[in-house]
Amino acid sequence: MRRHLAVLAVAGSMGAACPTYAQIGTILYQENFDSIALGDSVNERRGPLSFANLTALATDPNSAPRPNAYTHTGPVGWSVDNDFDNYGLFDPTNALGTSVISTDPVPALLYRVPNLGYVVGNKGVGNKGSAAHGVDEWEGWSFADKTFWASVDDQSRSAFTSAIGNVAVADADEYDDLGDGLGGNYYNTGMTSAAVNVSAYAGQNLTFKFDSSWRAESFDDDHVTLGRPDNNQTAIVYAIYDGGSPEPIDFWDSDAGNSNAGDTIPDRPASDYYKPDALNENLSYNLAIPVGTTNVQFAFGFINAANDWWWAVDNLSLAQGANPAFWTEGFESVTLGPSTNERVSTVAAFAKVTGLNTDAGSTPYPNAFSHTVPAGWNIDNSGIPAAAIGDNNIGVFEWEGWSVTTRAFSAFASQTSLNNFTKGSGNIVIADSDEFDDLAGADGVTKPITTVLESPIIDISSLAAGTLALQFDSSWQDEEGQLAAITVDYGAGEVIVLNWNSISGDPLFHGTNLDETVLVDLDNPAGATTAKVRFKYTGGNNWFWALDNVQIGAAVPEPASLGLVALGLAVAGATARRRR
């Protein structure tokens, strides 16, 4: 009976789905890497004890508000509308939008580009008013301390260097970070200024200026009722004369079009109103004040955003020609209150620092990692650029090729998703191109890398042909460019028995699975007496592949009547080199 490669629960033959035909009966070899003594960290270091910022419920007992953070109350005369529908331009089903149809053999509707200025899907901000869903600080336009805003998760927010002190910000990205966030709805919010007296300038031209920070994103978040990713984060600036109808003075969106060769999204140009990221921009507009006008207000609409990015403004002014501005607004008059969900932990912890091995302001993390593997195992890092090899502060040394470590240390080093690898216990082995690139990372230096973990040569002379199998626990986070392969060598060269890539839709695609058991048929030929298994990982600042509980033994057809008979080779005395 020919055995087939299989993955428990999610099967795959060279990456493609197939049923499970076999399981391991007699174990010839097993390894869980727990015999390896871990040494101190080198570049992933502990900074001073600190109290971390976190996003949590206002009732969280292990955190406290941060002072002088934000308010939803603007300057006198200003208002915020979190039921915003862009002054009645509401198209709930996006019926007026333009369809984008895939180029698949059977075409499918991918999304619809909203009609100019129309709010689609829902009015206002999804889950507004909920204490459990959506970060209160960013529920619609907010007035916040610039440093506080950037500190919750920088992601280039600190690049708004023209801003001073307080800013007005609509941040759909951060709002979505608590509970169910937007609840699958979109984020639509409007802000209107106080009335500015311009009666002395009626019939004349004025200059309106402000500083702006914008980060674009579109067509990647399904709406709960539309069932499509119709999000197109959009900004609109209006002038309102004497309380009349809003008159748009600028408009931009996030629609970059598409020109990616090989995908099934039709090529199309960017929107006429597309604005790429503009993180620190000064905008200036000429306003012709109508004859008889007494006052003007300015309104700022931020619409059709999902878990996208932000728009922030500061330093508004109105002037005539080269004369000094007769009206300014920098939001410094607002009184900021304590934070609600953007909190600070009341439990001190060591901050993580990725730094030089000589960094005097930090200390190593104890019992962190080792590049020593169990007896008979080997790591081949010939696929890592030579400049990054060794403890030389080029590439994070802990993640230079396959490493023995713990889930706790990997999580400390920022791979918190490894907390989901519950099948891995004690020591695990990991190849992590993401964290490796975090010190002096550069193309051709720390990326891409290929690293190979080789098992001992295993005596299989007692097994019948076609009965050898490999089982292991795996944690894999995919990103395009990341590859994994397993080969077996019976003395005549390597044979690929598992091949994963990160290209969605490809037959070899293996999506993120952070906690799975994998069973691979090694299909040993007649006459083979030894076997060596190799685990190959390739990535370039992608994510990781972690393993534990490797077993090699005889496969039996299902249903199996044999219990697991442990004949594992004991691996003892392996000692890690400790770095000081």
Protein backbone atom coordinates (compact mmCIF):
# COMPACT_ATOMS: atom_id res chain seq x y z
CA MET A 1 0.00 0.00 0.00
CA ARG A 2 1.51 3.34 -1.03
CA ARG A 3 1.52 5.93 1.73
CA HIS A 4 0.82 9.62 1.07
CA LEU A 5 1.99 12.85 2.66
CA ALA A 6 -0.67 14.06 5.08
CA VAL A 7 -1.23 16.82 7.61
CA LEU A 8 -3.43 16.11 10.58
CA ALA A 9 -6.66 18.11 10.36
CA VAL A 10 -5.43 20.06 7.29
CA ALA A 11 -3.87 17.61 4.85
CA GLY A 12 -1.47 18.39 2.05
CA SER A 13 0.51 16.52 -0.61
CA MET A 14 3.42 18.83 -1.46
CA GLY A 15 1.07 21.53 -0.24
CA ALA A 16 -2.14 20.31 -1.95
CA ALA A 17 -5.09 18.86 -0.02
CA CYS A 18 -5.44 15.07 0.40
CA PRO A 19 -6.93 12.71 2.99
CA THR A 20 -4.99 11.26 5.93
CA TYR A 21 -3.97 7.69 5.18
CA ALA A 22 -1.35 6.93 7.82
CA GLN A 23 -0.10 7.65 11.30
CA ILE A 24 3.09 6.81 13.15
CA GLY A 25 3.00 3.47 14.90
CA THR A 26 6.54 2.73 16.11
CA ILE A 27 8.77 5.72 16.88
CA LEU A 28 12.38 5.20 15.83
CA TYR A 29 13.52 8.69 16.81
CA GLN A 30 12.05 11.69 18.62
CA GLU A 31 13.34 15.09 19.65
CA ASN A 32 11.72 17.95 21.59
CA PHE A 33 14.89 20.10 22.00
CA ASP A 34 14.36 20.39 25.76
CA SER A 35 17.81 18.97 26.49
CA ILE A 36 19.46 22.13 25.15
CA ALA A 37 20.64 24.59 27.79
CA LEU A 38 19.76 28.10 26.66
CA GLY A 39 22.18 30.99 27.02
CA ASP A 40 21.70 34.69 27.55
CA SER A 41 20.42 36.86 24.73
CA VAL A 42 22.77 39.00 22.65
CA ASN A 43 20.86 41.65 20.68
CA GLU A 44 17.31 41.11 22.02
CA ARG A 45 17.91 42.82 25.35
CA ARG A 46 16.05 44.03 28.40
CA GLY A 47 15.76 47.75 28.90
CA PRO A 48 14.87 49.41 32.21
CA LEU A 49 11.76 48.30 34.03
CA SER A 50 8.87 50.28 32.67
CA PHE A 51 5.11 50.45 32.57
CA ALA A 52 3.92 49.55 29.09
CA ASN A 53 1.19 51.34 27.19
CA LEU A 54 -1.73 49.11 26.24
CA THR A 55 -5.20 49.25 24.76
CA ALA A 56 -7.78 47.90 27.20
CA LEU A 57 -11.24 48.37 28.61
CA ALA A 58 -11.68 51.37 30.87
CA THR A 59 -12.41 48.93 33.71
CA ASP A 60 -9.16 46.96 33.28
CA PRO A 61 -7.80 46.45 36.85
CA ASN A 62 -4.15 46.16 35.78
CA SER A 63 -3.92 49.49 34.00
CA ALA A 64 -4.55 53.16 34.57
CA PRO A 65 -5.52 56.13 32.39
CA ARG A 66 -2.83 58.35 30.92
CA PRO A 67 -3.21 62.01 31.91
CA ASN A 68 -3.74 64.99 29.59
CA ALA A 69 -4.39 62.76 26.59
CA TYR A 70 -7.48 63.74 24.59
CA THR A 71 -10.98 65.17 24.49
CA HIS A 72 -13.97 64.99 22.19
CA THR A 73 -14.82 68.61 23.04
CA GLY A 74 -13.27 70.98 20.54
CA PRO A 75 -12.63 74.73 20.78
CA VAL A 76 -15.60 76.99 21.47
CA GLY A 77 -18.02 76.83 18.55
CA TRP A 78 -16.56 73.66 17.02
CA SER A 79 -18.64 70.50 16.57
CA VAL A 80 -18.08 66.85 15.68
CA ASP A 81 -20.67 64.67 13.91
CA ASN A 82 -20.20 60.91 14.36
CA ASP A 83 -23.42 60.18 12.47
CA PHE A 84 -21.87 61.85 9.45
CA ASP A 85 -23.39 61.10 6.02
CA ASN A 86 -21.57 63.88 4.12
CA TYR A 87 -24.56 66.19 4.11
CA GLY A 88 -26.99 63.63 2.69
CA LEU A 89 -24.68 61.99 0.15
CA PHE A 90 -25.51 58.51 1.43
CA ASP A 91 -25.60 55.42 -0.78
CA PRO A 92 -26.22 52.51 1.64
CA THR A 93 -25.78 49.73 -0.94
CA ASN A 94 -23.15 51.56 -3.02
CA ALA A 95 -25.49 51.24 -5.99
CA LEU A 96 -23.95 54.34 -7.57
CA GLY A 97 -20.44 52.94 -7.31
CA THR A 98 -18.32 51.59 -10.15
CA SER A 99 -17.91 47.82 -10.24
CA VAL A 100 -14.44 46.26 -10.44
CA ILE A 101 -14.77 42.78 -11.98
CA SER A 102 -12.04 40.13 -11.75
CA THR A 103 -10.33 38.75 -14.83
CA ASP A 104 -10.88 35.16 -13.69
CA PRO A 105 -12.30 32.65 -16.20
CA VAL A 106 -15.53 33.09 -14.27
CA PRO A 107 -15.54 36.83 -13.55
CA ALA A 108 -16.51 37.93 -10.06
CA LEU A 109 -17.38 41.27 -8.51
CA LEU A 110 -14.37 42.24 -6.40
CA TYR A 111 -15.56 45.59 -5.04
CA ARG A 112 -17.29 48.81 -6.05
CA VAL A 113 -15.55 52.18 -6.06
CA PRO A 114 -17.90 54.60 -4.25
CA ASN A 115 -19.27 57.49 -6.26
CA LEU A 116 -17.53 60.79 -5.63
CA GLY A 117 -18.22 61.99 -2.08
CA TYR A 118 -20.82 59.37 -1.24
CA VAL A 119 -20.82 57.58 2.12
CA VAL A 120 -21.47 53.86 1.58
CA GLY A 121 -22.58 50.99 3.81
CA ASN A 122 -23.42 52.93 6.93
CA LYS A 123 -23.62 56.44 8.28
CA GLY A 124 -21.33 57.56 11.05
CA VAL A 125 -18.86 55.49 13.04
CA GLY A 126 -19.49 51.77 13.53
CA ASN A 127 -20.05 50.76 17.18
CA LYS A 128 -19.95 54.37 18.37
CA GLY A 129 -20.89 54.69 22.02
CA SER A 130 -19.82 51.15 22.93
CA ALA A 131 -17.55 50.75 25.94
CA ALA A 132 -16.40 47.31 24.75
CA HIS A 133 -15.90 47.90 21.03
CA GLY A 134 -13.87 50.67 19.46
CA VAL A 135 -11.19 52.74 21.17
CA ASP A 136 -13.00 55.71 22.69
CA GLU A 137 -10.13 58.14 22.15
CA TRP A 138 -10.47 57.78 18.37
CA GLU A 139 -14.26 57.59 18.05
CA GLY A 140 -14.61 60.14 15.27
CA TRP A 141 -12.68 63.39 15.19
CA SER A 142 -10.78 63.82 18.45
CA PHE A 143 -8.55 66.49 19.88
CA ALA A 144 -5.41 64.91 21.27
CA ASP A 145 -1.94 65.65 22.44
CA LYS A 146 0.31 65.01 19.45
CA THR A 147 2.82 62.97 21.48
CA PHE A 148 0.06 60.88 23.06
CA TRP A 149 -1.45 60.13 19.66
CA ALA A 150 1.86 58.94 18.19
CA SER A 151 2.77 56.94 21.28
CA VAL A 152 -0.17 54.53 21.09
CA ASP A 153 1.31 52.98 17.92
CA ASP A 154 3.57 55.24 15.92
CA GLN A 155 3.43 53.76 12.40
CA SER A 156 4.65 57.16 11.07
CA ARG A 157 2.24 59.27 13.13
CA SER A 158 5.25 61.05 14.64
CA ALA A 159 6.19 62.21 11.13
CA PHE A 160 3.61 64.99 11.52
CA THR A 161 6.39 67.34 12.63
CA SER A 162 4.60 70.56 11.66
CA ALA A 163 1.98 69.88 14.31
CA ILE A 164 2.48 71.56 17.66
CA GLY A 165 0.92 70.48 20.95
CA ASN A 166 -2.68 69.41 20.27
CA VAL A 167 -4.02 68.14 16.96
CA ALA A 168 -7.42 67.23 15.55
CA VAL A 169 -7.33 63.64 14.31
CA ALA A 170 -9.65 61.04 12.79
CA ASP A 171 -7.92 57.67 13.18
CA ALA A 172 -9.89 54.67 11.95
CA ASP A 173 -6.90 52.37 12.39
CA GLU A 174 -6.55 52.91 16.13
CA TYR A 175 -10.31 53.05 16.70
CA ASP A 176 -10.64 49.49 15.39
CA ASP A 177 -8.19 48.08 17.98
CA LEU A 178 -10.59 47.27 20.83
CA GLY A 179 -13.09 44.44 20.88
CA ASP A 180 -14.97 44.19 17.60
CA GLY A 181 -13.83 47.68 16.63
CA LEU A 182 -16.00 48.97 13.82
CA GLY A 183 -18.00 45.73 13.84
CA GLY A 184 -17.49 45.37 10.10
CA ASN A 185 -18.89 48.85 9.45
CA TYR A 186 -17.07 51.88 8.08
CA TYR A 187 -15.86 55.06 9.78
CA ASN A 188 -17.49 58.36 8.76
CA THR A 189 -16.97 61.48 10.84
CA GLY A 190 -17.32 65.22 10.25
CA MET A 191 -15.83 68.21 12.06
CA THR A 192 -16.99 71.81 11.68
CA SER A 193 -15.19 74.93 12.87
CA ALA A 194 -16.60 77.89 14.70
CA ALA A 195 -17.83 80.77 12.54
CA VAL A 196 -15.10 83.19 11.50
CA ASN A 197 -16.16 86.79 10.89
CA VAL A 198 -15.14 87.79 7.33
CA SER A 199 -17.56 90.66 6.82
CA ALA A 200 -14.62 93.04 6.32
CA TYR A 201 -13.38 90.88 3.43
CA ALA A 202 -16.64 90.28 1.54
CA GLY A 203 -16.01 90.30 -2.18
CA GLN A 204 -12.27 89.77 -1.65
CA ASN A 205 -9.86 86.83 -1.72
CA LEU A 206 -8.49 85.19 1.40
CA THR A 207 -5.94 82.43 1.95
CA PHE A 208 -6.91 79.44 4.07
CA LYS A 209 -4.03 77.24 5.28
CA PHE A 210 -3.53 74.25 7.54
CA ASP A 211 -1.03 71.49 8.23
CA SER A 212 -2.14 67.94 7.41
CA SER A 213 -1.04 64.34 7.99
CA TRP A 214 -2.65 61.69 5.78
CA ARG A 215 -2.01 58.00 5.29
CA ALA A 216 -4.00 56.25 2.56
CA GLU A 217 -5.63 52.79 2.31
CA SER A 218 -8.49 51.32 0.30
CA PHE A 219 -10.42 48.28 -0.96
CA ASP A 220 -9.23 45.72 1.57
CA ASP A 221 -11.92 45.48 4.29
CA ASP A 222 -15.28 43.82 3.71
CA HIS A 223 -18.30 45.73 4.93
CA VAL A 224 -20.65 43.69 7.11
CA THR A 225 -23.71 44.40 4.95
CA LEU A 226 -22.15 45.12 1.56
CA GLY A 227 -20.14 41.90 1.70
CA ARG A 228 -17.35 43.53 -0.30
CA PRO A 229 -14.24 45.61 0.46
CA ASP A 230 -15.66 48.93 -0.80
CA ASN A 231 -13.64 51.00 1.69
CA ASN A 232 -11.91 54.00 0.10
CA GLN A 233 -10.64 56.28 2.84
CA THR A 234 -11.52 59.80 1.69
CA ALA A 235 -11.00 63.37 2.93
CA ILE A 236 -13.11 66.42 2.05
CA VAL A 237 -12.56 70.08 3.01
CA TYR A 238 -15.55 72.43 2.86
CA ALA A 239 -16.24 76.13 3.25
CA ILE A 240 -19.68 77.08 4.62
CA TYR A 241 -20.74 80.71 4.11
CA ASP A 242 -23.29 82.15 6.51
CA GLY A 243 -24.61 78.71 7.42
CA GLY A 244 -25.49 77.81 3.84
CA SER A 245 -24.72 74.68 1.88
CA PRO A 246 -21.19 73.31 2.23
CA GLU A 247 -18.97 74.13 -0.75
CA PRO A 248 -16.07 71.70 -1.30
CA ILE A 249 -12.68 73.34 -1.63
CA ASP A 250 -10.62 70.11 -1.75
CA PHE A 251 -11.21 66.39 -2.02
CA TRP A 252 -8.89 63.36 -2.07
CA ASP A 253 -9.13 59.61 -1.68
CA SER A 254 -7.02 56.43 -1.39
CA ASP A 255 -7.78 54.81 -4.75
CA ALA A 256 -4.35 54.03 -6.21
CA GLY A 257 -5.81 51.94 -9.04
CA ASN A 258 -4.14 48.67 -9.98
CA SER A 259 -1.18 47.77 -12.16
CA ASN A 260 0.01 44.50 -10.59
CA ALA A 261 0.91 42.06 -13.32
CA GLY A 262 -0.37 38.54 -12.88
CA ASP A 263 -3.24 39.18 -10.47
CA THR A 264 -6.91 38.87 -11.32
CA ILE A 265 -7.73 42.50 -10.53
CA PRO A 266 -8.13 44.44 -13.79
CA ASP A 267 -5.55 47.11 -14.45
CA ARG A 268 -6.98 50.57 -14.03
CA PRO A 269 -5.54 54.03 -13.30
CA ALA A 270 -5.56 55.74 -9.95
CA SER A 271 -8.47 57.98 -9.12
CA ASP A 272 -8.23 61.59 -10.31
CA TYR A 273 -8.38 62.45 -6.61
CA TYR A 274 -5.85 59.92 -5.32
CA LYS A 275 -3.47 61.22 -2.66
CA PRO A 276 -0.67 58.87 -1.56
CA ASP A 277 0.70 59.09 1.97
CA ALA A 278 1.38 62.73 2.85
CA LEU A 279 2.49 62.56 6.47
CA ASN A 280 3.53 66.19 6.94
CA GLU A 281 1.97 68.55 4.41
CA ASN A 282 1.05 72.24 4.39
CA LEU A 283 -2.08 72.96 2.36
CA SER A 284 -3.12 76.38 1.08
CA TYR A 285 -6.34 77.46 -0.67
CA ASN A 286 -7.55 80.68 -2.24
CA LEU A 287 -11.07 81.57 -1.06
CA ALA A 288 -13.20 84.08 -2.95
CA ILE A 289 -15.48 85.44 -0.23
CA PRO A 290 -18.91 86.13 -1.74
CA VAL A 291 -20.26 89.68 -1.60
CA GLY A 292 -22.44 90.18 1.47
CA THR A 293 -20.90 87.31 3.44
CA THR A 294 -20.67 87.75 7.21
CA ASN A 295 -18.91 84.59 8.31
CA VAL A 296 -17.34 81.37 7.10
CA GLN A 297 -16.95 77.96 8.70
CA PHE A 298 -14.68 75.13 7.63
CA ALA A 299 -15.75 71.49 7.68
CA PHE A 300 -13.63 68.36 7.43
CA GLY A 301 -15.18 65.08 6.30
CA PHE A 302 -13.42 61.75 6.73
CA ILE A 303 -15.43 58.97 5.11
CA ASN A 304 -15.52 55.34 3.96
CA ALA A 305 -12.57 54.28 6.11
CA ALA A 306 -12.35 50.80 7.59
CA ASN A 307 -9.36 49.52 9.59
CA ASP A 308 -7.32 51.87 7.41
CA TRP A 309 -5.26 54.87 8.59
CA TRP A 310 -5.81 58.49 9.57
CA TRP A 311 -6.16 62.16 8.78
CA ALA A 312 -4.89 64.78 11.24
CA VAL A 313 -4.89 68.59 10.97
CA ASP A 314 -3.33 71.46 12.90
CA ASN A 315 -2.36 75.13 12.64
CA LEU A 316 -5.36 76.46 10.69
CA SER A 317 -5.20 80.09 9.57
CA LEU A 318 -7.05 82.64 7.46
CA ALA A 319 -5.29 85.69 6.05
CA GLN A 320 -5.49 88.29 3.30
CA GLY A 321 -2.48 88.34 1.01
CA ALA A 322 0.81 88.77 2.83
CA ASN A 323 -0.84 90.24 5.92
CA PRO A 324 -0.65 88.36 9.20
CA ALA A 325 -3.43 85.84 9.73
CA PHE A 326 -6.51 87.40 11.31
CA TRP A 327 -7.80 83.97 12.43
CA THR A 328 -5.86 80.95 13.65
CA GLU A 329 -6.73 77.70 15.37
CA GLY A 330 -4.14 75.29 16.78
CA PHE A 331 -6.45 73.54 19.28
CA GLU A 332 -4.29 74.63 22.21
CA SER A 333 -7.32 76.11 23.99
CA VAL A 334 -8.96 72.71 24.49
CA THR A 335 -8.58 71.05 27.87
CA LEU A 336 -7.37 67.48 27.52
CA GLY A 337 -8.61 64.82 29.89
CA PRO A 338 -7.31 61.38 30.87
CA SER A 339 -7.30 58.55 28.38
CA THR A 340 -10.04 55.92 28.35
CA ASN A 341 -8.82 52.83 26.47
CA GLU A 342 -5.26 53.86 25.60
CA ARG A 343 -3.89 53.06 29.04
CA VAL A 344 -0.68 52.36 30.92
CA SER A 345 -0.01 49.10 32.71
CA THR A 346 0.30 49.24 36.48
CA VAL A 347 2.56 46.17 36.37
CA ALA A 348 6.21 46.97 35.66
CA ALA A 349 7.98 44.92 32.99
CA PHE A 350 11.27 45.01 31.15
CA ALA A 351 11.05 46.87 27.88
CA LYS A 352 12.47 45.04 24.89
CA VAL A 353 15.49 46.67 23.24
CA THR A 354 17.05 45.39 20.03
CA GLY A 355 20.56 46.76 20.22
CA LEU A 356 24.27 46.17 20.04
CA ASN A 357 25.73 43.37 22.11
CA THR A 358 27.68 46.07 24.00
CA ASP A 359 24.69 48.30 24.72
CA ALA A 360 25.30 49.74 28.20
CA GLY A 361 21.70 50.79 28.73
CA SER A 362 20.31 47.26 28.57
CA THR A 363 21.00 43.78 29.89
CA PRO A 364 20.74 40.31 28.33
CA TYR A 365 17.59 38.26 28.75
CA PRO A 366 18.55 35.09 30.64
CA ASN A 367 17.96 31.54 29.35
CA ALA A 368 16.97 32.91 25.98
CA PHE A 369 18.37 30.92 23.05
CA SER A 370 21.08 28.70 21.64
CA HIS A 371 22.53 27.90 18.24
CA THR A 372 23.66 24.54 19.64
CA VAL A 373 21.36 21.71 18.59
CA PRO A 374 21.01 18.17 19.97
CA ALA A 375 23.72 15.58 19.29
CA GLY A 376 23.75 14.53 15.65
CA TRP A 377 21.70 17.51 14.48
CA ASN A 378 23.21 20.28 12.36
CA ILE A 379 22.31 23.78 11.17
CA ASP A 380 23.44 24.86 7.69
CA ASN A 381 23.47 28.65 7.38
CA SER A 382 25.36 28.80 4.07
CA GLY A 383 22.24 30.44 2.63
CA ILE A 384 22.67 33.52 4.85
CA PRO A 385 24.80 36.36 3.40
CA ALA A 386 28.33 36.17 4.80
CA ALA A 387 28.21 39.74 6.14
CA ALA A 388 25.47 38.77 8.60
CA ILE A 389 27.11 35.60 9.92
CA GLY A 390 28.42 35.70 13.50
CA ASP A 391 27.92 37.83 16.58
CA ASN A 392 28.76 41.06 14.75
CA ASN A 393 25.69 43.29 15.28
CA ILE A 394 24.57 42.74 11.69
CA GLY A 395 21.28 40.91 11.90
CA VAL A 396 19.85 39.95 15.27
CA PHE A 397 22.18 37.14 16.38
CA GLU A 398 19.49 35.20 18.23
CA TRP A 399 17.63 34.61 14.95
CA GLU A 400 20.62 33.90 12.71
CA GLY A 401 19.25 30.77 11.08
CA TRP A 402 17.45 28.06 13.03
CA SER A 403 17.62 28.75 16.77
CA VAL A 404 16.60 26.85 19.88
CA THR A 405 14.53 29.11 22.13
CA THR A 406 11.24 29.33 24.03
CA ARG A 407 7.86 30.75 23.15
CA ALA A 408 8.27 33.20 26.04
CA PHE A 409 11.52 34.63 24.70
CA SER A 410 10.19 34.83 21.14
CA ALA A 411 7.14 36.69 22.43
CA PHE A 412 9.42 39.05 24.40
CA ALA A 413 11.28 39.68 21.13
CA SER A 414 7.97 40.78 19.54
CA GLN A 415 6.67 37.51 18.02
CA THR A 416 3.64 37.51 20.31
CA SER A 417 1.65 35.33 17.91
CA LEU A 418 3.85 32.43 19.03
CA ASN A 419 1.83 32.47 22.26
CA ASN A 420 -0.69 30.56 20.13
CA PHE A 421 1.79 27.69 19.59
CA THR A 422 0.37 25.69 22.48
CA LYS A 423 1.58 22.35 21.06
CA GLY A 424 5.13 23.65 21.50
CA SER A 425 6.34 23.38 25.10
CA GLY A 426 9.67 23.96 26.77
CA ASN A 427 12.24 24.59 24.05
CA ILE A 428 11.24 24.98 20.42
CA VAL A 429 13.26 25.59 17.25
CA ILE A 430 12.47 28.57 15.05
CA ALA A 431 13.61 30.24 11.84
CA ASP A 432 12.56 33.91 12.05
CA SER A 433 13.52 36.18 9.14
CA ASP A 434 11.30 38.95 10.54
CA GLU A 435 13.19 39.48 13.78
CA PHE A 436 16.59 38.69 12.21
CA ASP A 437 16.25 41.75 9.96
CA ASP A 438 15.71 44.14 12.87
CA LEU A 439 19.38 45.09 13.39
CA ALA A 440 21.23 46.76 10.52
CA GLY A 441 18.84 45.06 8.11
CA ALA A 442 19.44 45.53 4.40
CA ASP A 443 18.81 43.73 1.12
CA GLY A 444 21.63 41.32 0.37
CA VAL A 445 22.87 41.54 3.96
CA THR A 446 20.13 40.25 6.27
CA LYS A 447 17.63 39.28 3.60
CA PRO A 448 16.77 37.01 2.02
CA ILE A 449 18.07 34.10 4.08
CA THR A 450 17.90 30.34 3.74
CA THR A 451 18.62 28.15 6.74
CA VAL A 452 18.50 24.35 6.98
CA LEU A 453 17.97 22.23 10.10
CA GLU A 454 19.31 18.69 9.61
CA SER A 455 18.37 15.64 11.67
CA PRO A 456 20.82 12.91 12.66
CA ILE A 457 21.24 9.93 10.36
CA ILE A 458 18.57 7.50 11.55
CA ASP A 459 18.80 3.72 11.27
CA ILE A 460 15.68 2.51 9.44
CA SER A 461 16.97 -0.95 8.50
CA SER A 462 14.21 -2.63 10.51
CA LEU A 463 11.39 -0.97 8.49
CA ALA A 464 9.56 -2.31 5.50
CA ALA A 465 9.65 -0.21 2.36
CA GLY A 466 7.07 2.59 2.16
CA THR A 467 6.37 2.75 5.90
CA LEU A 468 8.58 5.63 7.18
CA ALA A 469 6.81 8.83 8.33
CA LEU A 470 7.65 12.13 10.01
CA GLN A 471 5.46 13.92 12.54
CA PHE A 472 6.06 17.31 14.16
CA ASP A 473 4.23 20.26 15.68
CA SER A 474 4.41 23.46 13.66
CA SER A 475 3.73 27.19 13.95
CA TRP A 476 3.81 28.99 10.59
CA GLN A 477 2.91 32.58 9.73
CA ASP A 478 2.85 33.18 6.00
CA GLU A 479 3.87 36.20 3.95
CA GLU A 480 4.66 36.25 0.24
CA GLY A 481 8.32 35.39 -0.29
CA GLN A 482 8.50 32.95 2.62
CA LEU A 483 9.07 29.27 1.76
CA ALA A 484 9.37 26.00 3.66
CA ALA A 485 10.45 22.59 2.47
CA ILE A 486 11.24 19.21 4.00
CA THR A 487 13.51 16.70 2.28
CA VAL A 488 14.59 13.17 3.11
CA ASP A 489 17.89 11.59 2.03
CA TYR A 490 18.30 7.80 1.96
CA GLY A 491 21.91 8.08 0.79
CA ALA A 492 21.23 8.79 -2.86
CA GLY A 493 20.33 12.48 -2.58
CA GLU A 494 17.53 14.63 -1.21
CA VAL A 495 13.88 14.06 -2.14
CA ILE A 496 11.34 16.80 -1.41
CA VAL A 497 8.44 15.47 0.68
CA LEU A 498 6.83 18.76 1.74
CA ASN A 499 6.83 22.12 -0.01
CA TRP A 500 5.00 25.21 1.25
CA ASN A 501 4.90 28.74 -0.12
CA SER A 502 3.05 31.92 0.79
CA ILE A 503 1.41 32.72 -2.54
CA SER A 504 -2.33 32.72 -2.02
CA GLY A 505 -4.07 30.59 -4.62
CA ASP A 506 -0.94 28.62 -5.54
CA PRO A 507 -1.26 24.81 -5.16
CA LEU A 508 1.64 24.88 -2.67
CA PHE A 509 0.20 27.74 -0.61
CA HIS A 510 0.11 27.09 3.13
CA GLY A 511 -1.74 29.78 5.02
CA THR A 512 -0.94 30.93 8.52
CA ASN A 513 -1.46 28.13 11.05
CA LEU A 514 0.08 28.91 14.40
CA ASP A 515 -0.60 25.57 16.12
CA GLU A 516 -0.84 22.39 14.04
CA THR A 517 0.47 18.83 13.98
CA VAL A 518 1.91 17.76 10.63
CA LEU A 519 2.31 14.14 9.47
CA VAL A 520 4.47 13.57 6.38
CA ASP A 521 4.90 10.26 4.52
CA LEU A 522 8.63 9.74 3.80
CA ASP A 523 8.01 6.73 1.51
CA ASN A 524 11.31 4.91 2.16
CA PRO A 525 12.43 2.78 -0.80
CA ALA A 526 13.26 -0.92 -0.58
CA GLY A 527 16.80 -1.50 0.62
CA ALA A 528 17.21 1.87 2.36
CA THR A 529 18.92 1.49 5.74
CA THR A 530 19.38 5.11 6.85
CA ALA A 531 17.48 8.39 6.54
CA LYS A 532 18.28 12.06 7.16
CA VAL A 533 15.54 14.71 7.26
CA ARG A 534 16.13 18.38 6.50
CA PHE A 535 13.85 21.35 7.33
CA LYS A 536 14.53 24.26 4.96
CA TYR A 537 13.28 27.80 5.54
CA THR A 538 13.63 30.81 3.22
CA GLY A 539 12.47 34.33 4.06
CA GLY A 540 13.41 37.96 3.75
CA ASN A 541 11.97 40.05 6.58
CA ASN A 542 8.81 37.92 6.36
CA TRP A 543 7.59 35.94 9.37
CA PHE A 544 8.66 32.59 10.87
CA TRP A 545 8.43 28.82 11.04
CA ALA A 546 8.68 27.13 14.46
CA LEU A 547 8.84 23.39 15.23
CA ASP A 548 8.69 21.06 18.22
CA ASN A 549 8.14 17.40 19.10
CA VAL A 550 9.74 15.86 16.03
CA GLN A 551 9.06 12.12 15.64
CA ILE A 552 10.28 9.74 12.94
CA GLY A 553 9.02 6.17 12.76
CA ALA A 554 6.91 3.53 11.07
CA ALA A 555 3.64 4.50 9.44
CA VAL A 556 0.69 2.17 9.70
CA PRO A 557 -2.58 2.28 7.78
CA GLU A 558 -5.61 3.68 9.58
CA PRO A 559 -7.32 2.56 11.69
CA ALA A 560 -4.13 1.90 13.62
CA SER A 561 -4.16 -0.74 16.33
CA LEU A 562 -0.62 -0.17 17.49
CA GLY A 563 0.18 2.19 20.27
CA LEU A 564 3.15 4.50 20.12
CA VAL A 565 6.19 2.57 21.29
CA ALA A 566 8.89 5.03 22.22
CA LEU A 567 12.30 3.87 21.06
CA GLY A 568 13.61 7.46 20.99
CA LEU A 569 17.26 8.20 21.18
CA ALA A 570 18.12 10.13 24.34
CA VAL A 571 19.97 13.32 23.68
CA ALA A 572 21.92 14.46 26.70
CA GLY A 573 24.78 16.66 27.64
CA ALA A 574 24.39 19.22 24.88
CA THR A 575 25.57 22.56 26.18
CA ALA A 576 24.80 25.99 24.77
CA ARG A 577 27.47 28.63 24.56
CA ARG A 578 26.59 31.48 26.83
CA ARG A 579 27.09 35.02 25.70
CA ARG A 580 28.02 37.70 28.18
